[in-house]
Structure formats: structure tokens, C-alpha cells
Protein backbone atom coordinates (compact mmCIF):
# COMPACT_ATOMS: atom_id res chain seq x y z
CA MET A 1 103.38 132.43 110.40
CA ILE A 2 104.54 129.04 109.10
CA LYS A 3 102.64 127.88 106.02
CA TYR A 4 100.81 124.61 106.54
CA ASP A 5 101.18 122.52 103.37
CA VAL A 6 98.34 120.07 103.99
CA ASN A 7 94.86 121.36 103.16
CA ILE A 8 92.62 119.49 105.59
CA ASP A 9 89.46 121.14 104.28
CA LEU A 10 90.24 120.06 100.72
CA ALA A 11 90.98 116.52 101.90
CA ASN A 12 87.68 116.35 103.80
CA GLU A 13 85.80 117.70 100.78
CA ALA A 14 87.43 115.14 98.50
CA LYS A 15 86.71 112.27 100.90
CA ALA A 16 83.06 113.29 101.05
CA GLU A 17 82.81 113.29 97.26
CA ILE A 18 84.47 109.90 96.78
CA SER A 19 82.20 108.22 99.34
CA ALA A 20 79.72 107.56 96.53
CA PHE A 21 82.17 105.07 95.03
CA LEU A 22 82.51 103.02 98.24
CA GLY A 23 80.35 99.96 98.69
CA GLY A 24 77.99 100.82 95.85
CA GLY A 25 75.00 100.73 98.19
CA ASP A 26 75.63 97.06 98.93
CA SER A 27 73.72 95.88 102.04
CA ARG A 28 76.82 94.04 103.28
CA ILE A 29 78.40 97.40 104.17
CA LEU A 30 77.06 98.28 107.61
CA SER A 31 79.21 101.34 108.27
CA LYS A 32 79.00 104.96 107.15
CA PRO A 33 81.78 106.54 105.03
CA ALA A 34 82.82 108.74 107.99
CA ASP A 35 83.27 105.81 110.39
CA PHE A 36 86.78 104.99 111.57
CA ALA A 37 86.65 101.51 110.03
CA CYS A 38 84.49 99.65 107.57
CA LEU A 39 81.96 97.10 108.81
CA TYR A 40 81.46 94.31 106.29
CA ASP A 41 78.83 91.64 106.91
CA ILE A 42 80.76 88.69 105.54
CA GLY A 43 77.64 86.47 105.32
CA LEU A 44 79.29 83.07 104.84
CA ALA A 45 76.24 80.92 105.59
CA GLY A 46 76.72 79.00 102.33
CA TYR A 47 80.20 77.80 103.29
CA ARG A 48 80.96 74.69 105.34
CA HIS A 49 84.50 75.72 106.29
CA PRO A 50 85.35 79.15 104.84
CA VAL A 51 88.98 80.25 104.68
CA LEU A 52 89.81 83.93 104.26
CA VAL A 53 92.41 84.86 101.65
CA LEU A 54 94.40 88.10 102.16
CA LYS A 55 96.74 89.94 99.81
CA THR A 56 98.26 93.41 99.35
CA GLU A 57 99.51 94.75 96.02
CA GLU A 58 100.71 97.88 94.24
CA PRO A 59 101.23 98.42 90.50
CA GLY A 60 104.93 99.29 90.72
CA SER A 61 106.67 101.88 88.60
CA LYS A 62 104.02 101.59 85.89
CA GLN A 63 102.29 104.25 87.99
CA LEU A 64 104.88 106.82 86.91
CA ILE A 65 104.20 106.26 83.22
CA ALA A 66 100.43 106.19 83.75
CA MET A 67 100.48 109.53 85.53
CA ARG A 68 102.80 111.07 82.94
CA TYR A 69 100.37 110.17 80.15
CA ASP A 70 97.21 110.87 82.17
CA ARG A 71 96.14 107.19 82.21
CA VAL A 72 95.43 106.88 85.91
CA GLU A 73 92.27 104.80 85.36
CA GLY A 74 94.24 102.07 83.62
CA VAL A 75 96.79 101.68 86.38
CA CYS A 76 93.96 101.44 88.92
CA ARG A 77 92.60 98.48 86.95
CA ASP A 78 96.12 97.03 86.88
CA MET A 79 96.22 97.07 90.64
CA ILE A 80 92.82 95.48 91.21
CA ASN A 81 93.14 92.90 88.43
CA HIS A 82 96.56 91.88 89.78
CA LEU A 83 95.15 91.55 93.29
CA VAL A 84 92.18 89.46 92.18
CA ASN A 85 94.42 87.26 90.00
CA ASP A 86 96.58 86.50 93.04
CA CYS A 87 93.52 85.74 95.14
CA ALA A 88 92.15 83.43 92.44
CA ALA A 89 95.41 81.44 92.35
CA VAL A 90 94.23 79.54 95.43
CA GLY A 91 90.68 79.14 94.12
CA ALA A 92 89.21 82.05 96.08
CA ALA A 93 86.41 84.46 95.28
CA PRO A 94 87.22 88.14 95.99
CA LEU A 95 85.03 89.88 98.55
CA ALA A 96 86.32 93.34 99.47
CA VAL A 97 89.16 95.73 98.71
CA GLN A 98 90.71 98.52 100.79
CA ASP A 99 92.84 101.05 98.95
CA ALA A 100 95.46 103.64 99.87
CA VAL A 101 96.27 106.75 97.83
CA ILE A 102 99.44 108.56 98.92
CA CYS A 103 100.49 111.82 97.30
CA GLY A 104 102.66 114.89 97.72
CA LYS A 105 99.80 117.32 97.09
CA LEU A 106 96.18 116.31 96.82
CA ASP A 107 94.36 116.99 93.56
CA LYS A 108 90.67 116.38 94.18
CA ASN A 109 89.94 115.57 90.54
CA ILE A 110 92.74 112.98 90.35
CA LEU A 111 91.58 111.40 93.60
CA LYS A 112 88.00 111.09 92.34
CA ARG A 113 89.21 109.51 89.10
CA VAL A 114 91.37 107.04 91.04
CA ILE A 115 88.64 105.95 93.46
CA LYS A 116 86.03 105.72 90.71
CA ALA A 117 88.34 103.53 88.59
CA ILE A 118 89.24 101.30 91.53
CA SER A 119 85.56 100.92 92.42
CA GLU A 120 84.66 100.04 88.81
CA ALA A 121 87.49 97.51 88.59
CA CYS A 122 86.28 95.90 91.81
CA ALA A 123 82.74 95.66 90.44
CA GLU A 124 84.04 94.09 87.21
CA ASN A 125 85.70 91.41 89.34
CA GLY A 126 82.66 90.76 91.53
CA CYS A 127 83.88 92.45 94.71
CA LEU A 128 83.48 95.76 96.54
CA LEU A 129 85.68 98.72 97.32
CA THR A 130 84.81 99.21 100.97
CA GLY A 131 87.09 102.12 101.86
CA GLY A 132 90.72 102.96 102.42
CA GLU A 133 93.11 105.80 103.16
CA THR A 134 94.09 109.05 101.46
CA SER A 135 97.35 110.54 102.68
CA GLU A 136 98.87 113.85 101.61
CA GLN A 137 102.59 113.93 102.42
CA PRO A 138 104.30 117.13 101.23
CA GLN A 139 108.13 117.09 101.30
CA VAL A 140 108.00 113.31 101.55
CA ILE A 141 106.55 112.78 98.08
CA GLU A 142 106.94 115.35 95.32
CA GLU A 143 103.91 117.24 94.05
CA GLY A 144 102.20 115.44 91.18
CA ARG A 145 103.39 112.01 92.33
CA TYR A 146 100.84 109.43 93.46
CA ILE A 147 101.50 106.05 95.06
CA LEU A 148 98.66 103.55 94.92
CA THR A 149 98.27 100.35 96.88
CA SER A 150 95.41 98.13 97.97
CA SER A 151 94.56 95.01 99.93
CA ILE A 152 91.96 92.35 99.25
CA VAL A 153 89.97 89.85 101.28
CA GLY A 154 88.70 86.75 99.51
CA VAL A 155 87.16 83.47 100.59
CA VAL A 156 87.50 79.84 99.59
CA GLU A 157 85.97 76.62 100.88
CA LYS A 158 88.74 74.80 102.74
CA ASP A 159 88.36 71.54 100.84
CA GLN A 160 88.40 73.43 97.51
CA ILE A 161 91.68 75.31 98.03
CA ILE A 162 93.90 75.01 94.96
CA ASP A 163 97.40 74.64 96.36
CA GLY A 164 99.25 72.29 93.98
CA ARG A 165 99.36 69.33 96.36
CA GLY A 166 97.69 67.04 93.84
CA ILE A 167 100.09 67.87 91.00
CA ALA A 168 101.82 64.73 89.70
CA PRO A 169 104.10 63.63 86.85
CA GLY A 170 102.11 63.34 83.64
CA ASP A 171 99.96 66.42 84.30
CA ALA A 172 99.71 69.18 81.70
CA VAL A 173 100.60 72.85 82.11
CA VAL A 174 98.13 75.12 80.32
CA GLY A 175 99.20 78.69 79.58
CA LEU A 176 96.64 81.50 79.55
CA ALA A 177 97.47 84.36 77.23
CA SER A 178 98.47 87.76 78.56
CA ASN A 179 97.60 90.98 76.74
CA GLY A 180 101.16 92.31 77.05
CA VAL A 181 103.41 93.58 79.80
CA HIS A 182 100.82 93.58 82.62
CA THR A 183 102.58 95.15 85.68
CA ASN A 184 106.16 93.89 85.72
CA GLY A 185 109.35 95.08 84.04
CA TYR A 186 108.51 98.78 83.92
CA THR A 187 111.78 99.94 85.41
CA LEU A 188 113.48 98.71 82.24
CA ILE A 189 110.76 100.23 80.05
CA ARG A 190 111.15 103.63 81.72
CA ARG A 191 114.91 103.42 81.18
CA LEU A 192 114.42 102.63 77.49
CA MET A 193 112.01 105.54 77.13
CA ALA A 194 114.57 107.88 78.70
CA GLU A 195 117.68 106.61 76.92
CA LYS A 196 116.15 105.61 73.57
CA PRO A 197 113.17 107.93 73.07
CA GLU A 198 112.78 106.71 69.50
CA ILE A 199 111.06 103.66 71.01
CA LEU A 200 108.02 105.90 71.47
CA ASP A 201 107.60 105.92 67.68
CA GLU A 202 107.11 102.15 67.59
CA THR A 203 103.74 100.47 67.23
CA ALA A 204 102.64 97.10 68.60
CA ASP A 205 99.61 95.23 67.27
CA GLY A 206 98.27 98.43 65.72
CA GLU A 207 98.70 100.51 68.87
CA SER A 208 101.25 103.13 69.79
CA PHE A 209 104.08 102.01 72.05
CA THR A 210 102.56 104.04 74.90
CA ASP A 211 99.12 102.49 74.47
CA ALA A 212 100.65 99.01 74.31
CA ILE A 213 102.62 99.34 77.55
CA LEU A 214 99.67 100.90 79.37
CA ARG A 215 97.14 98.18 78.58
CA PRO A 216 95.53 97.21 81.91
CA HIS A 217 96.60 93.87 83.38
CA THR A 218 94.43 90.98 82.15
CA ALA A 219 91.82 89.89 84.69
CA TYR A 220 91.63 86.08 84.83
CA TYR A 221 89.16 85.51 87.67
CA GLY A 222 86.09 85.69 85.44
CA ALA A 223 87.43 82.84 83.33
CA LEU A 224 88.82 80.81 86.22
CA ARG A 225 85.84 80.80 88.56
CA GLY A 226 83.77 78.58 86.27
CA LEU A 227 86.28 75.78 86.92
CA PHE A 228 86.51 76.21 90.69
CA GLY A 229 85.12 73.30 92.67
CA LYS A 230 85.14 70.91 89.69
CA GLY A 231 88.42 69.19 90.46
CA LEU A 232 89.93 70.16 87.11
CA LEU A 233 92.54 72.61 88.39
CA LYS A 234 95.39 71.16 90.45
CA GLY A 235 97.56 74.27 90.62
CA LEU A 236 97.45 77.88 89.47
CA ALA A 237 100.28 80.37 89.06
CA HIS A 238 100.02 84.06 88.29
CA ILE A 239 103.03 84.83 86.10
CA THR A 240 104.47 88.10 87.38
CA GLY A 241 108.00 89.26 88.26
CA GLY A 242 110.42 86.35 87.91
CA GLY A 243 108.50 84.93 84.96
CA VAL A 244 107.24 81.38 84.61
CA ARG A 245 110.27 79.83 86.34
CA GLU A 246 109.90 81.77 89.57
CA ASN A 247 106.12 81.64 89.80
CA LEU A 248 105.06 78.20 88.60
CA ASN A 249 107.62 76.60 90.92
CA ARG A 250 105.76 78.11 93.89
CA VAL A 251 102.86 75.67 93.42
CA LEU A 252 104.85 72.53 92.61
CA PRO A 253 104.85 69.84 95.31
CA ASP A 254 107.88 67.82 96.37
CA GLY A 255 108.79 65.26 93.73
CA ALA A 256 107.58 67.29 90.77
CA ASP A 257 109.22 69.52 88.14
CA ALA A 258 107.61 71.41 85.29
CA VAL A 259 109.03 71.37 81.77
CA ILE A 260 107.95 74.40 79.75
CA GLU A 261 108.30 74.45 75.96
CA LEU A 262 109.18 78.01 74.98
CA ASP A 263 108.40 77.44 71.30
CA ARG A 264 104.76 77.02 72.34
CA TYR A 265 104.56 80.67 73.40
CA ASP A 266 102.68 83.23 71.30
CA ILE A 267 104.78 86.32 71.94
CA PRO A 268 103.00 89.71 71.88
CA GLU A 269 104.64 92.28 69.63
CA ILE A 270 105.45 94.57 72.55
CA PHE A 271 108.04 92.07 73.82
CA ARG A 272 109.74 91.93 70.45
CA ILE A 273 110.14 95.71 70.58
CA ILE A 274 111.50 95.66 74.15
CA ARG A 275 113.97 92.92 73.24
CA ARG A 276 115.18 94.79 70.16
CA TYR A 277 115.83 98.04 72.03
CA SER A 278 117.16 96.52 75.26
CA GLY A 279 119.36 93.80 73.81
CA LEU A 280 118.27 91.41 76.56
CA ASP A 281 118.83 87.72 75.91
CA ASP A 282 115.95 85.24 76.09
CA ALA A 283 116.76 84.19 79.66
CA SER A 284 116.58 87.79 80.90
CA MET A 285 113.37 88.47 78.98
CA LEU A 286 111.84 85.31 80.42
CA ARG A 287 112.73 86.32 83.97
CA THR A 288 111.53 89.91 83.62
CA TYR A 289 108.31 89.48 81.64
CA ASN A 290 105.42 87.07 81.23
CA MET A 291 106.29 86.78 77.50
CA GLY A 292 102.66 86.18 76.55
CA VAL A 293 101.63 83.71 79.27
CA GLY A 294 100.04 85.60 82.16
CA TYR A 295 98.72 82.61 84.08
CA ALA A 296 99.52 78.91 84.23
CA ALA A 297 97.06 76.18 85.14
CA VAL A 298 98.12 72.63 85.97
CA THR A 299 95.56 69.96 85.14
CA ALA A 300 95.46 66.23 84.51
CA ALA A 301 96.48 65.55 80.93
CA LYS A 302 93.09 63.96 80.23
CA ASP A 303 91.35 67.18 81.32
CA ALA A 304 93.55 69.63 79.41
CA GLU A 305 91.33 69.79 76.33
CA GLU A 306 88.22 70.52 78.44
CA VAL A 307 90.05 73.21 80.40
CA ILE A 308 91.34 74.85 77.22
CA ARG A 309 87.85 74.81 75.66
CA HIS A 310 86.51 76.53 78.78
CA PHE A 311 89.11 79.30 78.68
CA ASP A 312 88.72 79.83 74.95
CA GLY A 313 84.97 80.11 75.46
CA MET A 314 85.57 82.80 78.07
CA GLY A 315 87.69 84.81 75.66
CA VAL A 316 91.05 83.85 77.16
CA PRO A 317 93.23 82.04 74.61
CA ALA A 318 94.87 78.99 76.17
CA LYS A 319 97.11 76.12 75.10
CA VAL A 320 99.30 73.39 76.59
CA ILE A 321 102.78 74.84 77.11
CA GLY A 322 104.38 72.10 79.18
CA ARG A 323 104.14 69.04 81.37
CA ILE A 324 104.90 67.83 84.88
CA VAL A 325 107.74 65.34 85.38
CA THR A 326 109.49 63.80 88.36
CA GLY A 327 111.83 66.27 90.03
CA ASN A 328 112.40 68.67 92.89
CA ARG A 329 110.09 71.70 92.46
CA ARG A 330 111.99 73.27 89.59
CA VAL A 331 110.79 74.72 86.30
CA GLU A 332 112.90 73.81 83.29
CA CYS A 333 112.41 75.79 80.09
CA VAL A 334 113.33 73.95 76.89
CA GLY A 335 113.56 75.01 73.28
CA GLY A 336 113.50 78.70 72.42
CA PHE A 337 111.12 81.52 71.68
CA MET A 338 109.92 81.72 68.09
CA TRP A 339 110.83 85.34 67.49
């Protein structure tokens, strides 16, 4: 008899056990865990013209390192924080998340840890994990390998969408501090770990190299939402792959450039270590990593001080790192990093 590699009974048992992490008893969830789809009572009576915001994300090859060092909870927070940060970039509040966990062989304990961590990260960001998919795919994915992904639904009042249209020459660019690598550039990090294992003996800001690279992605929504609807934020950019040049330019309108002063950056120690071992020049580092600025906010110059005070008060260090000038939707970086 041919051996069947997928254990349906184990999968059903695991799904039953993780149902406790879905919805959190919230009355907006009208469906049962066993239903074919989730029913979410969106309840938008307080909005005049609500616009739904949709995004899908996965935490990239950082997942491989997280699983190797048994840090699955952290990479789950990476995924949700990244999703919510993207949603917030247009001024939206997150509502609900659907996840997918794909593996070569299902480990019930790992699955429970994953779903619990995703659910907790959602709650920390003011939204709900409403359900998702668990898929066991032997011979497609090797045993012990997990691939995580999730999608979010958010909402924003149409006349409060932050889309960069009001950005004009003379505005200020405020940089919000990152806590390190976040979720981009891990292919290079994995290569360094394989080819130069002595990097694992390094420490960054009092932490081991491994702890430093596995810090969960900073969540910015909690700090940003207090400014939504006040007219202080003209444009927001989540600084991910491509760095500040290839993310801030996405919100610039026609007729505007951004000039970023690199000597204004406060560079986390982890990037100094990566640069030393990789030999990358500043341009390559800037394109691969956030270099200490995980989010950029464009505001009128007169409002910059108020915006910075707000972020500092929310525990997110912020400072002016550049300005808007006349141009053609490009980001020019001037000066150099203060290594």
C-alpha cells in the first residue's frame, strides 16, 4: 500500500486547537472556526466614505534564520508589523488579518506557536486574526521548513487618505528610527553567516549577533495613528527593500524631489557589523537596508517640530533627515553616513 504523507487527522486536530486564537471572541466575527470562510461584520457606521485598504506580505528569508534558532514568534511579529506599517502608510486603521502557514510536514506545536504569535501581534496593533489556511505539502517543501504569509484589510476615510498629493517644495522629511534590520536584506545576512561564521561572535548594542538580526520589525502604527486626520502628515513611506530612495519616491507627486542628508542618520550597530563583513559600499548598504530609518513622514516645515515631539512621546525617536525641493519624483541622498 502506498504511504500517504499528509496526516489529515493531525491537521484537523491542530486546526481545532488553534481556533482559540482566531477572533478573540470579538462580536464582529459572525462565523464559526469550521466554516468555509470568515464572516466579519465590518461595522463602518462611523465613516462617511470608507475606503478599504488591502495588502499581502511575507517576512522573506528571515523565516529561515528564525526557524533555525527557534524564534518563530519573532518572525510572526515581523510579518504582522510589516503588514500594518504598509497599511498605515495611507493613513488606514487595520481591521482584520488572514494568514497562511505552508509546510513540508506539520508540527502541531509549531503551528500553535505560530498562530498564537500572529494573533498576539494583531491584538497589539488593534486588529484581529480572523482565520487563514494551513497547508502541508510533502515533497514540495522539505520537512522542517515553514513558509508564512498573511493579508490584511484596513479602512480609511476617503478624504483622510495620505497619498502624498499635498507634498510641496519646502516641506520637511522626518525619519522615524528603526530598531535594526527589520525584514529586508536577509539573503546577504544568511550568506555572511554561512561564509564568515565568525560574524556570529559579534555583538550589537549589547546583544548577540543572532539576537540583533532577529529583533521583530518595529511597529509604527501605534505612534502614527495619533496624527491621522489632523492634516499634519502629507506623505508616509515605509522604508523596506530598496531603502529610502526606492520607497520615499513612491509617495512624491509630480514636481517634487526629496533631498535626504545621510549624515543625519543614527546608524544601528548591526549595520556597521554587516558593512564590515560584507564590504558593501554605502550606496549598496543604503539600497539593501533601512540604515536606521524605518519610516519617513513628510510634513510642512512649520509642523515638523510638533510631529517630532509626538513621535518622541510615543517612544519612537524621530528627527528631520531631509527636505522637499522642486524636481521629478526622485530621492537624492547627499553627504555620507557617519560611520
